[in-house]
Amino acid sequence: MAATTIQELVGDELLTQHDTQATSEVLEGKKLVMLYFSAHWCPPCRGFTPHLAAKYKATAEELGIEVVFISSDQSESDFRQYFSEMPWTAVPYGARNIKEKRKKTVPDTCLFHIRRHPT
């Protein structure tokens, strides 16, 4: 069955740099949710991440944007090290089933425009 909401796709909880928060809380009021599939071992990803982080810091709050990092790292320590460089949220490393859902529902490059959140 295909995921029909962002929460069904990324799960009930997202990591921040400080703790874990409910996905619904993190995404509340957001107009745009970007799923960022990346990994520390990917040179083009490592080169792009600082540029995306700078734009995120400069515009995310004003424009109602959230980025959710979905890791393709091969270990949790690599994931944590790479995620520590990011100012946005992430799907917990242990939630590896997101990749299988993505293959079935999300094209390689995709932006979601959130019109409303389910209650």
Protein backbone atom coordinates (compact mmCIF):
# COMPACT_ATOMS: atom_id res chain seq x y z
CA MET A 1 0.00 0.00 0.00
CA ALA A 2 1.36 3.42 -0.92
CA ALA A 3 1.92 6.06 1.74
CA THR A 4 -0.68 8.79 1.53
CA THR A 5 0.75 11.33 3.98
CA ILE A 6 4.22 12.54 4.87
CA GLN A 7 3.81 11.02 8.34
CA GLU A 8 2.98 7.62 6.86
CA LEU A 9 6.10 7.91 4.73
CA VAL A 10 8.63 9.15 7.32
CA GLY A 11 7.12 7.72 10.50
CA ASP A 12 5.68 9.07 13.73
CA GLU A 13 8.91 10.57 15.10
CA LEU A 14 11.74 12.67 13.71
CA LEU A 15 15.13 13.43 15.18
CA THR A 16 16.25 16.97 15.85
CA GLN A 17 19.73 17.93 16.99
CA HIS A 18 18.49 17.83 20.59
CA ASP A 19 15.83 15.14 20.88
CA THR A 20 13.08 13.19 19.18
CA GLN A 21 9.80 14.94 18.35
CA ALA A 22 6.48 13.83 16.95
CA THR A 23 6.41 14.25 13.19
CA SER A 24 3.07 16.04 13.44
CA GLU A 25 4.63 18.66 15.77
CA VAL A 26 7.70 19.17 13.59
CA LEU A 27 5.63 19.62 10.44
CA GLU A 28 2.81 21.67 11.94
CA GLY A 29 2.35 24.88 9.96
CA LYS A 30 4.93 23.95 7.31
CA LYS A 31 4.10 24.84 3.72
CA LEU A 32 6.82 22.75 2.10
CA VAL A 33 8.46 19.52 3.24
CA MET A 34 11.59 18.42 1.43
CA LEU A 35 12.86 14.85 1.76
CA TYR A 36 16.64 14.83 1.50
CA PHE A 37 18.07 11.41 0.61
CA SER A 38 21.79 11.57 1.25
CA ALA A 39 24.80 9.79 2.79
CA HIS A 40 28.15 10.80 4.23
CA TRP A 41 30.00 8.51 1.80
CA CYS A 42 28.54 10.29 -1.26
CA PRO A 43 30.90 13.08 -2.47
CA PRO A 44 28.24 14.99 -4.44
CA CYS A 45 25.91 14.82 -1.41
CA ARG A 46 28.66 16.06 0.92
CA GLY A 47 29.29 18.95 -1.45
CA PHE A 48 25.60 19.86 -1.75
CA THR A 49 24.66 19.62 1.94
CA PRO A 50 26.42 22.86 3.04
CA HIS A 51 24.66 24.80 0.27
CA LEU A 52 21.27 23.39 1.21
CA ALA A 53 21.97 24.08 4.90
CA ALA A 54 22.81 27.72 4.17
CA LYS A 55 19.60 28.22 2.19
CA TYR A 56 17.60 26.41 4.86
CA LYS A 57 18.99 28.62 7.63
CA ALA A 58 18.31 31.76 5.59
CA THR A 59 14.76 30.97 4.44
CA ALA A 60 13.13 27.97 6.14
CA GLU A 61 11.43 29.81 8.98
CA GLU A 62 10.17 32.66 6.82
CA LEU A 63 8.89 30.39 4.04
CA GLY A 64 7.55 27.56 6.22
CA ILE A 65 10.00 24.91 4.97
CA GLU A 66 11.16 21.74 6.68
CA VAL A 67 13.81 19.37 5.38
CA VAL A 68 13.74 15.75 6.53
CA PHE A 69 17.02 13.87 6.08
CA ILE A 70 16.68 10.23 5.07
CA SER A 71 20.02 8.52 5.41
CA SER A 72 21.62 5.99 3.12
CA ASP A 73 24.55 5.64 5.51
CA GLN A 74 25.76 2.16 6.28
CA SER A 75 26.22 2.63 10.03
CA GLU A 76 24.51 4.61 12.74
CA SER A 77 27.77 6.31 13.70
CA ASP A 78 28.23 7.57 10.11
CA PHE A 79 24.60 8.74 10.14
CA ARG A 80 25.03 10.62 13.43
CA GLN A 81 28.28 12.27 12.32
CA TYR A 82 26.76 13.46 9.03
CA PHE A 83 23.45 14.50 10.63
CA SER A 84 25.34 16.62 13.18
CA GLU A 85 26.24 18.94 10.25
CA MET A 86 22.58 19.52 9.35
CA PRO A 87 20.19 22.15 10.75
CA TRP A 88 17.00 20.17 9.98
CA THR A 89 15.31 16.98 11.15
CA ALA A 90 15.93 13.35 10.21
CA VAL A 91 14.19 10.03 10.08
CA PRO A 92 15.79 7.94 12.86
CA TYR A 93 18.54 5.69 11.52
CA GLY A 94 16.75 2.57 12.75
CA ALA A 95 13.69 3.34 10.61
CA ARG A 96 15.24 1.74 7.55
CA ASN A 97 11.87 0.74 6.06
CA ILE A 98 11.52 4.31 4.76
CA LYS A 99 13.75 3.37 1.84
CA GLU A 100 11.41 0.57 0.77
CA LYS A 101 8.41 2.90 1.01
CA ARG A 102 10.29 5.53 -1.01
CA LYS A 103 11.03 3.10 -3.80
CA LYS A 104 7.32 2.47 -4.16
CA THR A 105 5.97 6.00 -3.71
CA VAL A 106 8.50 8.81 -4.14
CA PRO A 107 10.40 9.69 -7.32
CA ASP A 108 14.11 10.48 -7.00
CA THR A 109 13.44 14.21 -6.81
CA CYS A 110 10.22 15.23 -5.18
CA LEU A 111 8.77 18.18 -3.26
CA PHE A 112 5.62 17.90 -1.18
CA HIS A 113 3.34 20.90 -0.85
CA ILE A 114 1.43 20.55 2.42
CA ARG A 115 -2.02 22.05 2.21
CA ARG A 116 -3.25 20.81 5.59
CA HIS A 117 -2.30 18.37 8.29
CA PRO A 118 -4.59 15.56 9.39
CA THR A 119 -5.95 15.94 12.90
